[in-house]
Protein backbone atom coordinates (compact mmCIF):
# COMPACT_ATOMS: atom_id res chain seq x y z
CA UNK A 1 -10.17 6.07 15.73
CA UNK A 2 -7.16 5.81 18.08
CA UNK A 3 -8.34 2.34 19.06
CA UNK A 4 -7.70 1.25 15.47
CA UNK A 5 -4.03 2.24 15.68
CA UNK A 6 -3.62 0.43 18.98
CA UNK A 7 -5.24 -2.75 17.60
CA UNK A 8 -2.99 -2.59 14.52
CA UNK A 9 0.18 -2.09 16.56
CA UNK A 10 -0.62 -4.85 19.07
CA UNK A 11 -1.64 -7.33 16.37
CA UNK A 12 1.42 -6.59 14.25
CA UNK A 13 3.83 -6.95 17.14
CA UNK A 14 2.16 -10.09 18.48
CA UNK A 15 2.04 -11.88 15.12
CA UNK A 16 5.63 -10.88 14.33
CA UNK A 17 6.87 -12.18 17.68
CA UNK A 18 4.95 -15.44 17.23
CA UNK A 19 6.27 -15.89 13.69
CA UNK A 20 9.88 -15.34 14.72
CA UNK A 21 9.51 -17.70 17.68
CA UNK A 22 8.12 -20.69 15.75
CA UNK A 23 9.31 -20.32 12.14
CA UNK A 24 12.31 -22.66 12.59
CA UNK A 25 10.49 -25.28 14.69
CA UNK A 26 9.84 -28.82 13.42
CA UNK A 27 6.96 -31.17 14.16
CA UNK A 28 3.22 -31.51 13.61
CA UNK A 29 2.21 -29.18 16.43
CA UNK A 30 4.63 -26.50 15.25
CA UNK A 31 3.40 -26.92 11.66
CA UNK A 32 -0.13 -26.29 12.94
CA UNK A 33 0.94 -23.13 14.77
CA UNK A 34 2.93 -21.94 11.74
CA UNK A 35 -0.11 -22.34 9.47
CA UNK A 36 -2.38 -20.48 11.88
CA UNK A 37 0.12 -17.66 12.45
CA UNK A 38 0.86 -17.27 8.73
CA UNK A 39 -2.85 -17.06 7.93
CA UNK A 40 -3.30 -14.37 10.56
CA UNK A 41 -0.22 -12.47 9.40
CA UNK A 42 -1.35 -12.51 5.76
CA UNK A 43 -4.81 -11.26 6.73
CA UNK A 44 -3.22 -8.60 8.95
CA UNK A 45 -1.27 -7.20 6.00
CA UNK A 46 -4.20 -7.43 3.57
CA UNK A 47 -6.46 -5.38 5.84
CA UNK A 48 -3.77 -3.25 7.48
CA UNK A 49 -2.40 -1.97 4.17
CA UNK A 50 -5.78 -0.58 3.10
CA UNK A 51 -6.35 0.82 6.58
CA UNK A 52 -3.00 2.64 6.30
CA UNK A 53 -3.74 3.80 2.74
CA UNK A 54 -7.07 5.32 3.79
CA UNK A 55 -5.54 6.96 6.87
CA UNK A 56 -2.72 8.48 4.80
CA UNK A 57 -5.16 9.86 2.21
CA UNK A 58 -7.12 11.46 5.06
CA UNK A 59 -3.90 12.85 6.58
CA UNK A 60 -2.88 14.32 3.22
CA UNK A 61 -6.22 16.14 2.98
CA UNK A 62 -5.75 17.58 6.48
CA UNK A 63 -2.14 18.59 5.84
CA UNK A 64 -2.86 20.16 2.44
CA UNK A 65 -5.60 22.27 4.01
CA UNK A 66 -3.26 23.40 6.78
CA UNK A 67 -0.10 23.83 4.70
CA UNK A 68 -1.84 25.73 1.91
CA UNK A 69 -4.04 27.83 4.16
CA UNK A 70 -7.19 26.46 2.50
CA UNK A 71 -8.79 25.86 5.88
CA UNK A 72 -7.83 27.17 9.30
CA UNK A 73 -10.58 25.31 11.16
CA UNK A 74 -9.61 23.15 14.12
CA UNK A 75 -6.48 23.44 16.24
CA UNK A 76 -4.00 24.40 13.52
CA UNK A 77 -0.45 23.25 14.26
CA UNK A 78 -1.62 20.78 16.92
CA UNK A 79 -3.95 19.09 14.46
CA UNK A 80 -1.17 18.94 11.87
CA UNK A 81 1.15 17.33 14.43
CA UNK A 82 -1.42 14.64 15.16
CA UNK A 83 -1.96 13.96 11.45
CA UNK A 84 1.79 13.65 10.88
CA UNK A 85 2.22 11.24 13.80
CA UNK A 86 -0.77 9.14 12.71
CA UNK A 87 0.48 8.87 9.12
CA UNK A 88 3.69 7.27 10.43
CA UNK A 89 2.16 5.14 13.20
CA UNK A 90 -0.21 3.25 10.88
CA UNK A 91 2.63 2.24 8.50
CA UNK A 92 5.24 0.95 10.96
CA UNK A 93 3.42 -2.31 11.91
CA UNK A 94 3.28 -3.29 8.22
CA UNK A 95 7.07 -3.58 8.16
CA UNK A 96 6.70 -6.89 10.02
CA UNK A 97 4.69 -8.89 7.44
CA UNK A 98 6.69 -7.48 4.51
CA UNK A 99 9.90 -8.70 6.15
CA UNK A 100 8.75 -11.92 7.81
CA UNK A 101 6.11 -13.63 5.70
CA UNK A 102 7.49 -16.69 3.86
CA UNK A 103 9.14 -15.96 0.52
CA UNK A 104 11.87 -17.52 -1.55
CA UNK A 105 14.99 -16.31 0.21
CA UNK A 106 17.81 -17.19 -2.16
CA UNK A 107 18.19 -17.48 -5.93
CA UNK A 108 18.84 -20.79 -7.72
CA UNK A 109 22.50 -21.68 -8.16
CA UNK A 110 22.12 -23.37 -11.56
CA UNK A 111 20.01 -22.56 -14.56
CA UNK A 112 18.33 -25.99 -14.48
CA UNK A 113 17.12 -25.24 -10.95
CA UNK A 114 15.26 -22.12 -12.03
CA UNK A 115 11.89 -23.89 -12.33
CA UNK A 116 9.85 -23.49 -9.15
CA UNK A 117 7.02 -25.57 -7.91
CA UNK A 118 3.57 -23.97 -7.84
CA UNK A 119 3.75 -23.23 -4.12
CA UNK A 120 6.98 -21.25 -4.45
CA UNK A 121 5.63 -19.31 -7.43
CA UNK A 122 2.46 -18.43 -5.54
CA UNK A 123 4.45 -17.25 -2.54
CA UNK A 124 6.67 -15.11 -4.74
CA UNK A 125 3.68 -13.56 -6.54
CA UNK A 126 2.00 -12.84 -3.22
CA UNK A 127 5.18 -11.25 -1.89
CA UNK A 128 5.47 -9.11 -5.03
CA UNK A 129 1.88 -7.97 -4.53
CA UNK A 130 2.69 -6.99 -0.96
CA UNK A 131 5.70 -5.01 -2.15
CA UNK A 132 3.58 -3.25 -4.78
CA UNK A 133 0.95 -2.22 -2.23
CA UNK A 134 3.57 -1.19 0.31
CA UNK A 135 5.36 0.84 -2.40
CA UNK A 136 2.08 2.60 -3.21
CA UNK A 137 1.71 3.39 0.48
CA UNK A 138 5.29 4.74 0.56
CA UNK A 139 4.49 7.02 -2.40
CA UNK A 140 1.37 8.32 -0.65
CA UNK A 141 3.39 8.85 2.52
CA UNK A 142 5.84 11.09 0.64
CA UNK A 143 3.70 14.21 1.15
CA UNK A 144 3.29 13.70 4.93
CA UNK A 145 7.02 12.95 5.11
CA UNK A 146 7.99 16.21 3.35
CA UNK A 147 5.40 18.19 5.31
CA UNK A 148 6.69 16.63 8.52
CA UNK A 149 10.30 17.51 7.70
CA UNK A 150 9.39 21.14 6.92
CA UNK A 151 7.12 21.44 9.95
CA UNK A 152 9.66 19.96 12.37
CA UNK A 153 13.02 21.05 11.01
CA UNK A 154 12.56 24.16 8.84
CA UNK A 155 13.55 27.53 10.39
CA UNK A 156 10.75 29.11 12.40
CA UNK A 157 9.60 32.67 11.68
CA UNK A 158 8.85 33.18 15.35
CA UNK A 159 11.66 34.92 17.18
CA UNK A 160 13.99 37.89 16.94
CA UNK A 161 15.21 38.35 13.35
CA UNK A 162 13.68 35.11 12.05
CA UNK A 163 11.52 36.76 9.39
CA UNK A 164 12.44 37.44 5.75
CA UNK A 165 15.79 39.26 5.41
CA UNK A 166 16.28 39.27 9.16
CA UNK A 167 13.00 41.01 9.88
CA UNK A 168 11.27 40.32 13.19
CA UNK A 169 7.68 39.28 12.59
CA UNK A 170 6.84 38.26 16.16
CA UNK A 171 9.08 37.65 19.14
CA UNK A 172 8.89 34.53 21.30
CA UNK A 173 7.46 36.61 24.16
CA UNK A 174 4.74 38.06 21.94
CA UNK A 175 3.79 34.64 20.62
CA UNK A 176 3.62 33.33 24.19
CA UNK A 177 1.25 36.18 25.05
CA UNK A 178 -0.98 35.29 22.08
CA UNK A 179 -1.14 31.67 23.22
CA UNK A 180 -2.05 32.70 26.76
CA UNK A 181 -4.74 35.06 25.45
CA UNK A 182 -6.27 32.26 23.37
CA UNK A 183 -5.92 29.33 25.75
CA UNK A 184 -5.24 30.83 29.16
CA UNK A 185 -3.20 28.68 31.51
CA UNK A 186 -4.05 25.39 29.78
CA UNK A 187 -1.09 23.00 29.84
CA UNK A 188 0.45 22.85 26.36
CA UNK A 189 2.66 20.37 24.54
CA UNK A 190 6.12 20.77 26.10
CA UNK A 191 9.21 21.65 24.04
CA UNK A 192 10.91 18.35 24.92
CA UNK A 193 7.81 16.46 23.79
CA UNK A 194 7.81 18.29 20.46
CA UNK A 195 11.50 17.47 20.01
CA UNK A 196 10.91 13.81 20.91
CA UNK A 197 7.99 13.61 18.46
CA UNK A 198 10.00 15.23 15.65
CA UNK A 199 12.98 12.91 16.15
CA UNK A 200 10.76 9.82 16.37
CA UNK A 201 8.84 10.75 13.22
CA UNK A 202 12.07 11.25 11.29
CA UNK A 203 13.59 7.97 12.52
CA UNK A 204 10.40 6.05 11.73
CA UNK A 205 10.04 7.63 8.29
CA UNK A 206 13.63 6.83 7.34
CA UNK A 207 13.13 3.25 8.58
CA UNK A 208 10.08 2.88 6.34
CA UNK A 209 11.83 4.19 3.23
CA UNK A 210 15.08 2.32 3.82
CA UNK A 211 13.11 -0.88 4.38
CA UNK A 212 11.06 -0.60 1.19
CA UNK A 213 14.12 0.36 -0.89
CA UNK A 214 16.00 -2.70 0.41
CA UNK A 215 13.09 -5.07 -0.34
CA UNK A 216 12.63 -3.62 -3.83
CA UNK A 217 16.33 -4.07 -4.60
CA UNK A 218 16.25 -7.70 -3.44
CA UNK A 219 13.05 -8.37 -5.40
CA UNK A 220 14.62 -6.95 -8.55
CA UNK A 221 17.75 -9.08 -8.08
CA UNK A 222 15.69 -12.28 -7.94
CA UNK A 223 13.91 -11.32 -11.17
CA UNK A 224 17.13 -10.91 -13.14
CA UNK A 225 18.48 -13.59 -15.40
CA UNK A 226 21.39 -15.62 -14.09
CA UNK A 227 23.92 -13.85 -16.34
CA UNK A 228 22.67 -10.40 -15.33
CA UNK A 229 23.14 -11.24 -11.67
CA UNK A 230 26.90 -11.33 -12.11
CA UNK A 231 26.79 -7.57 -12.68
CA UNK A 232 25.51 -7.04 -9.17
CA UNK A 233 27.50 -9.71 -7.37
CA UNK A 234 28.18 -7.35 -4.48
CA UNK A 235 24.47 -6.89 -3.80
CA UNK A 236 23.89 -10.63 -4.04
CA UNK A 237 26.64 -11.33 -1.56
CA UNK A 238 25.28 -8.63 0.70
CA UNK A 239 21.82 -10.19 0.52
CA UNK A 240 23.13 -13.64 1.40
CA UNK A 241 25.27 -12.17 4.15
CA UNK A 242 22.19 -10.48 5.61
CA UNK A 243 20.37 -13.82 5.60
CA UNK A 244 23.24 -15.47 7.47
CA UNK A 245 23.43 -12.66 10.02
CA UNK A 246 19.65 -12.76 10.49
CA UNK A 247 19.68 -16.47 11.29
CA UNK A 248 22.87 -16.42 13.37
CA UNK A 249 22.42 -13.38 15.61
CA UNK A 250 19.35 -13.19 17.79
CA UNK A 251 20.06 -9.51 18.56
CA UNK A 252 19.27 -8.51 14.97
CA UNK A 253 15.88 -10.22 15.15
CA UNK A 254 15.18 -8.61 18.51
CA UNK A 255 16.04 -5.18 17.11
CA UNK A 256 13.82 -5.76 14.08
CA UNK A 257 10.98 -6.59 16.44
CA UNK A 258 11.57 -3.93 19.09
CA UNK A 259 12.57 -0.80 17.14
CA UNK A 260 9.25 -0.31 15.27
CA UNK A 261 7.38 -1.16 18.48
CA UNK A 262 9.39 1.41 20.48
CA UNK A 263 8.89 4.08 17.82
CA UNK A 264 5.16 3.36 17.75
CA UNK A 265 5.03 3.56 21.54
CA UNK A 266 6.49 7.07 21.47
CA UNK A 267 4.14 8.11 18.66
CA UNK A 268 1.10 6.81 20.54
CA UNK A 269 2.18 8.68 23.68
CA UNK A 270 2.53 11.92 21.72
CA UNK A 271 -0.80 11.45 19.92
CA UNK A 272 -2.60 10.87 23.22
CA UNK A 273 -0.86 13.89 24.79
CA UNK A 274 -1.78 16.14 21.86
CA UNK A 275 -5.40 15.01 21.99
CA UNK A 276 -5.51 15.69 25.74
CA UNK A 277 -4.06 19.16 25.13
CA UNK A 278 -6.69 19.80 22.47
CA UNK A 279 -9.43 18.67 24.84
CA UNK A 280 -8.23 21.06 27.55
CA UNK A 281 -7.95 23.89 25.04
CA UNK A 282 -11.53 23.26 23.92
CA UNK A 283 -12.70 23.28 27.54
CA UNK A 284 -10.71 26.46 28.16
CA UNK A 285 -12.62 28.13 25.34
CA UNK A 286 -15.92 26.76 26.74
CA UNK A 287 -16.26 24.37 23.83
CA UNK A 288 -16.71 20.63 23.48
CA UNK A 289 -14.07 18.16 22.27
CA UNK A 290 -15.81 15.29 20.50
CA UNK A 291 -12.71 13.42 19.29
CA UNK A 292 -12.62 11.17 22.36
CA UNK A 293 -16.24 10.08 22.08
CA UNK A 294 -17.02 6.52 21.04
CA UNK A 295 -18.37 6.52 17.50
CA UNK A 296 -18.08 5.31 13.93
CA UNK A 297 -14.29 5.62 13.73
CA UNK A 298 -13.66 3.46 16.79
CA UNK A 299 -16.02 0.74 15.55
CA UNK A 300 -14.39 0.70 12.10
CA UNK A 301 -10.94 0.55 13.73
CA UNK A 302 -11.87 -2.66 15.55
CA UNK A 303 -13.93 -4.34 12.80
CA UNK A 304 -11.18 -3.64 10.23
CA UNK A 305 -8.91 -6.22 11.88
CA UNK A 306 -11.61 -8.71 12.85
CA UNK A 307 -10.86 -10.94 9.82
CA UNK A 308 -7.36 -11.55 11.21
CA UNK A 309 -8.85 -13.61 14.04
CA UNK A 310 -11.39 -15.35 11.81
CA UNK A 311 -8.72 -16.30 9.25
CA UNK A 312 -6.60 -17.78 12.03
CA UNK A 313 -9.61 -19.75 13.28
CA UNK A 314 -10.38 -21.12 9.80
CA UNK A 315 -6.71 -22.01 9.26
CA UNK A 316 -6.69 -23.84 12.58
CA UNK A 317 -9.83 -25.75 11.62
CA UNK A 318 -8.38 -26.67 8.22
CA UNK A 319 -5.13 -27.95 9.77
CA UNK A 320 -6.77 -29.58 12.78
CA UNK A 321 -5.57 -33.04 11.68
CA UNK A 322 -2.02 -32.01 12.61
CA UNK A 323 -2.90 -31.83 16.29
CA UNK A 324 -6.04 -33.97 16.55
CA UNK A 325 -5.60 -37.41 18.23
CA UNK A 326 -6.81 -39.21 15.10
CA UNK A 327 -4.37 -37.28 12.88
CA UNK A 328 -1.27 -39.12 14.10
CA UNK A 329 -2.85 -42.55 13.76
CA UNK A 330 -3.59 -42.08 10.07
CA UNK A 331 -0.03 -41.16 9.11
């Protein structure tokens, strides 16, 4: 199902870049492109969020089995590492639509301006629905996040004096011998790769939680009555300041676009490396590694995001008068 993660990452990055490039443009042609891109972005979130929810439920099942010792089938720690990386990788692209899709950006200044037109209300309701679904995903991700932190950063029991009360359970040399007995001279995941994966997972996880906390705070501010907002003037000013900085400094927008993409690039590299290591281990034990075979998971991964393209096509057809030769003559 790796193809599904790649499709999600590429689509998310491409739609985010297109949205940021054209969202401030004026004119009929730009309005056409904005409508098409927005339709694709909305469909991307609607299907991507349920893809990520299902993947995280599956990852939780794998991790619970490994963490609790319910099942020791498979490749143990290597399989847990892949599950942890996948649980993060499928969430990161969803940061883009939550942050970029059109919403009401600033509160009304006077009480008589508090009535919105239907379009603004619909956009706000849709944005709130996105936040609710993304919050549910963040709650589900809590178990992989905690498991990841323990797996990557908790003290290891392997090594001299690392057992309970300073007891030595197994030395590093003995554990190395066990690995060589099981897998021979098969190339294993290097220490620097494990460190890179652990640091990337932690950075990505914190980015996800900080992002959702910020959006929930802003959403709650907009819901408050005008008098209540005075209590949190500092947060309001901070929110407006962030809007100004976002529009004024291109570097902030570039970082918003590139940081999740860079983190996902590292995660994909580590997932592919771990799968290759598993394949070589299986061959070393005269077994077969079926995870790389084309099957149901790969097909679902592609079909899941097919509606993104179809929604963009339908939006383009609906708004064709904006760019058609006869459209300008009728206005």
